[in-house]
N, C-alpha and C. Protein backbone atom coordinates (compact mmCIF):
# COMPACT_ATOMS: atom_id res chain seq x y z
N MET A 1 15.58 -59.16 -75.09
CA MET A 1 14.98 -58.01 -74.49
C MET A 1 14.27 -57.22 -75.51
N THR A 2 13.34 -56.45 -75.54
CA THR A 2 12.02 -56.12 -76.05
C THR A 2 12.52 -54.58 -76.86
N GLY A 3 12.45 -54.31 -78.04
CA GLY A 3 12.40 -52.50 -78.13
C GLY A 3 12.59 -51.97 -76.97
N ALA A 4 10.78 -52.08 -76.68
CA ALA A 4 10.13 -51.57 -75.24
C ALA A 4 11.32 -51.46 -73.86
N GLU A 5 11.70 -52.40 -73.81
CA GLU A 5 12.93 -52.50 -72.66
C GLU A 5 13.76 -51.62 -73.32
N ALA A 6 14.71 -52.18 -74.20
CA ALA A 6 16.13 -51.49 -74.71
C ALA A 6 15.67 -49.63 -74.62
N ARG A 7 14.39 -49.65 -75.24
CA ARG A 7 14.15 -48.00 -74.99
C ARG A 7 14.25 -47.37 -73.40
N ALA A 8 13.49 -48.04 -72.42
CA ALA A 8 13.91 -47.90 -71.49
C ALA A 8 14.89 -47.73 -70.96
N ARG A 9 15.45 -48.53 -70.82
CA ARG A 9 16.99 -48.74 -70.57
C ARG A 9 17.70 -47.38 -71.30
N PHE A 10 17.69 -47.29 -72.53
CA PHE A 10 18.61 -46.64 -72.84
C PHE A 10 18.04 -44.47 -72.43
N LEU A 11 17.06 -44.79 -71.82
CA LEU A 11 16.35 -43.73 -71.70
C LEU A 11 17.05 -43.41 -70.14
N ASP A 12 17.09 -44.65 -69.40
CA ASP A 12 16.96 -44.23 -68.23
C ASP A 12 18.36 -43.69 -67.99
N TRP A 13 19.41 -44.74 -68.98
CA TRP A 13 21.19 -44.02 -69.34
C TRP A 13 20.94 -42.59 -69.31
N LEU A 14 20.26 -42.46 -70.00
CA LEU A 14 20.54 -40.89 -71.20
C LEU A 14 20.32 -40.14 -69.78
N ALA A 15 19.06 -40.65 -68.99
CA ALA A 15 18.91 -39.43 -67.58
C ALA A 15 20.15 -39.41 -66.60
N ARG A 16 20.13 -40.57 -66.26
CA ARG A 16 20.77 -40.78 -65.11
C ARG A 16 22.66 -40.58 -65.29
N GLU A 17 23.27 -41.13 -66.15
CA GLU A 17 24.74 -40.95 -66.09
C GLU A 17 24.99 -39.57 -67.47
N LYS A 18 24.04 -39.37 -68.39
CA LYS A 18 24.17 -38.22 -68.84
C LYS A 18 24.00 -37.14 -68.37
N ARG A 19 23.07 -37.26 -67.50
CA ARG A 19 22.37 -36.23 -66.87
C ARG A 19 21.45 -34.89 -67.72
N ALA A 20 20.83 -36.16 -68.73
CA ALA A 20 20.25 -34.79 -69.73
C ALA A 20 19.22 -34.78 -69.22
N SER A 21 18.78 -32.89 -70.03
CA SER A 21 17.62 -32.30 -69.32
C SER A 21 16.11 -33.77 -69.94
N ALA A 22 14.72 -33.36 -68.55
CA ALA A 22 13.68 -33.67 -69.00
C ALA A 22 13.36 -33.61 -70.14
N ASN A 23 13.90 -32.72 -70.57
CA ASN A 23 13.64 -32.27 -72.17
C ASN A 23 13.77 -32.94 -73.22
N THR A 24 14.84 -33.19 -72.88
CA THR A 24 15.74 -34.41 -73.63
C THR A 24 15.51 -35.46 -73.67
N VAL A 25 15.34 -36.26 -72.54
CA VAL A 25 15.21 -38.01 -72.50
C VAL A 25 13.35 -37.68 -73.30
N GLU A 26 12.58 -36.94 -72.89
CA GLU A 26 11.30 -36.65 -73.26
C GLU A 26 11.30 -36.59 -75.13
N ALA A 27 11.96 -35.83 -75.47
CA ALA A 27 11.93 -35.76 -76.81
C ALA A 27 12.79 -37.29 -77.78
N TYR A 28 13.88 -37.80 -76.99
CA TYR A 28 14.69 -38.71 -77.38
C TYR A 28 13.50 -40.10 -77.09
N GLY A 29 12.77 -40.36 -76.51
CA GLY A 29 11.96 -40.92 -75.98
C GLY A 29 10.33 -40.93 -77.06
N ARG A 30 10.25 -39.79 -77.71
CA ARG A 30 9.64 -39.88 -78.75
C ARG A 30 9.91 -40.36 -79.81
N ASP A 31 11.20 -39.98 -79.97
CA ASP A 31 11.76 -39.98 -81.64
C ASP A 31 11.73 -42.31 -81.54
N LEU A 32 12.40 -42.62 -80.17
CA LEU A 32 12.52 -43.78 -80.41
C LEU A 32 11.47 -44.78 -80.41
N ARG A 33 10.17 -44.34 -79.65
CA ARG A 33 9.15 -44.77 -79.79
C ARG A 33 8.20 -44.72 -81.14
N ASP A 34 8.28 -43.52 -82.25
CA ASP A 34 8.17 -43.43 -83.40
C ASP A 34 9.24 -44.35 -84.25
N PHE A 35 10.41 -44.58 -84.12
CA PHE A 35 11.39 -45.63 -85.06
C PHE A 35 10.56 -46.81 -84.43
N LEU A 36 10.75 -47.11 -83.19
CA LEU A 36 10.52 -48.72 -82.81
C LEU A 36 8.88 -48.83 -83.72
N LEU A 37 7.91 -47.94 -83.38
CA LEU A 37 6.72 -48.12 -83.87
C LEU A 37 6.87 -48.60 -85.35
N PHE A 38 7.70 -47.65 -85.96
CA PHE A 38 8.10 -48.08 -87.64
C PHE A 38 8.83 -49.47 -88.07
N LEU A 39 9.61 -49.77 -87.29
CA LEU A 39 10.66 -50.59 -87.29
C LEU A 39 9.48 -52.25 -87.10
N SER A 40 8.40 -52.10 -86.29
CA SER A 40 7.43 -53.20 -86.16
C SER A 40 6.48 -53.06 -87.51
N GLY A 41 6.22 -52.40 -88.49
CA GLY A 41 5.80 -52.75 -89.85
C GLY A 41 6.59 -53.07 -90.66
N HIS A 42 8.29 -52.26 -90.45
CA HIS A 42 9.16 -52.35 -91.60
C HIS A 42 9.38 -53.62 -91.79
N ILE A 43 9.99 -54.52 -89.82
CA ILE A 43 10.48 -56.16 -89.92
C ILE A 43 9.19 -57.39 -89.99
N GLY A 44 8.31 -56.63 -90.14
CA GLY A 44 7.06 -57.34 -89.45
C GLY A 44 6.78 -58.25 -88.46
N GLU A 45 7.40 -57.30 -87.22
CA GLU A 45 7.43 -58.09 -86.25
C GLU A 45 7.98 -57.00 -84.71
N GLU A 46 7.80 -57.23 -83.37
CA GLU A 46 8.09 -56.47 -82.39
C GLU A 46 9.31 -56.37 -82.66
N PRO A 47 9.99 -55.43 -82.66
CA PRO A 47 11.42 -55.28 -82.85
C PRO A 47 12.23 -55.99 -81.40
N ASN A 48 13.13 -56.71 -81.17
CA ASN A 48 14.35 -57.30 -80.17
C ASN A 48 15.18 -57.03 -80.30
N ALA A 49 16.20 -57.35 -78.85
CA ALA A 49 17.39 -57.02 -79.36
C ALA A 49 18.34 -57.51 -80.72
N ALA A 50 17.93 -58.60 -80.87
CA ALA A 50 18.38 -59.06 -82.48
C ALA A 50 18.27 -59.05 -83.30
N SER A 51 17.17 -58.07 -83.49
CA SER A 51 16.50 -56.99 -84.96
C SER A 51 17.37 -55.93 -84.66
N LEU A 52 17.65 -55.52 -83.51
CA LEU A 52 17.74 -53.71 -83.42
C LEU A 52 19.30 -54.22 -83.96
N ALA A 53 19.92 -54.99 -83.13
CA ALA A 53 21.36 -55.63 -83.50
C ALA A 53 21.84 -55.57 -85.26
N GLY A 54 20.69 -56.22 -85.91
CA GLY A 54 20.89 -56.62 -86.93
C GLY A 54 20.47 -55.27 -87.79
N LEU A 55 20.10 -54.20 -87.49
CA LEU A 55 19.38 -53.13 -88.32
C LEU A 55 20.63 -52.93 -89.44
N ARG A 56 20.35 -52.49 -90.46
CA ARG A 56 21.23 -51.66 -91.78
C ARG A 56 20.87 -50.46 -91.83
N ALA A 57 21.84 -49.68 -92.47
CA ALA A 57 21.79 -48.06 -93.03
C ALA A 57 20.77 -47.81 -93.41
N ALA A 58 20.45 -49.59 -94.55
CA ALA A 58 19.03 -48.70 -95.27
C ALA A 58 17.69 -49.20 -94.52
N ASP A 59 17.97 -49.36 -93.19
CA ASP A 59 16.69 -49.42 -92.27
C ASP A 59 16.46 -48.23 -91.93
N LEU A 60 17.41 -47.12 -91.45
CA LEU A 60 17.83 -46.21 -90.78
C LEU A 60 17.08 -44.98 -91.79
N ARG A 61 17.40 -45.36 -93.18
CA ARG A 61 17.12 -44.08 -94.59
C ARG A 61 15.58 -44.48 -94.40
N ALA A 62 14.90 -46.06 -94.76
CA ALA A 62 13.34 -46.05 -94.93
C ALA A 62 12.76 -45.22 -93.80
N PHE A 63 13.55 -45.29 -92.47
CA PHE A 63 12.68 -44.52 -91.26
C PHE A 63 12.81 -43.01 -91.68
N LEU A 64 13.48 -42.62 -92.21
CA LEU A 64 13.71 -40.95 -92.38
C LEU A 64 12.96 -40.88 -93.77
N ALA A 65 12.85 -41.80 -94.32
CA ALA A 65 11.87 -40.87 -95.74
C ALA A 65 10.62 -41.43 -95.66
N ARG A 66 10.19 -42.41 -93.97
CA ARG A 66 9.02 -42.53 -93.68
C ARG A 66 8.32 -40.84 -93.64
N ARG A 67 9.32 -40.48 -92.58
CA ARG A 67 9.49 -39.42 -91.32
C ARG A 67 8.82 -37.97 -92.44
N ALA A 68 9.55 -38.07 -93.69
CA ALA A 68 9.83 -36.74 -94.74
C ALA A 68 8.30 -37.39 -95.52
N ALA A 69 7.94 -37.93 -95.93
CA ALA A 69 6.82 -38.26 -96.44
C ALA A 69 5.51 -38.65 -95.46
N ASP A 70 5.77 -38.22 -94.13
CA ASP A 70 4.67 -37.58 -93.11
C ASP A 70 4.85 -36.03 -92.81
N GLY A 71 5.35 -35.21 -93.56
CA GLY A 71 5.49 -34.20 -93.72
C GLY A 71 6.88 -33.75 -92.31
N ALA A 72 7.58 -34.29 -91.82
CA ALA A 72 8.45 -33.94 -90.82
C ALA A 72 9.40 -33.25 -91.57
N GLY A 73 9.65 -32.21 -90.46
CA GLY A 73 10.76 -31.02 -91.52
C GLY A 73 12.04 -32.06 -91.16
N VAL A 74 12.97 -30.92 -91.83
CA VAL A 74 14.39 -31.50 -91.88
C VAL A 74 15.20 -32.14 -90.16
N ALA A 75 14.82 -30.69 -89.48
CA ALA A 75 15.05 -30.79 -88.12
C ALA A 75 14.64 -32.05 -87.38
N THR A 76 13.26 -32.21 -87.45
CA THR A 76 12.91 -33.36 -87.01
C THR A 76 13.38 -34.54 -87.45
N ARG A 77 14.01 -34.84 -88.60
CA ARG A 77 14.45 -36.29 -89.66
C ARG A 77 15.55 -36.93 -88.39
């Protein structure tokens, strides 16, 4: 499963099972899209189920640091 497929499945689950609002699903979708784009460069390939399962806290911290460097406020990191 690709990262994009995992994103789509998660967003579907969020909308259907958790009954999240459309705005919430849209916001999560944007954040996950940005994270997957970051990961493509960070790990050097398109994220897939195996690479997502192997993520470490350091990978998440690197994403948050990139968001801060790009000017994202604390509430959006």
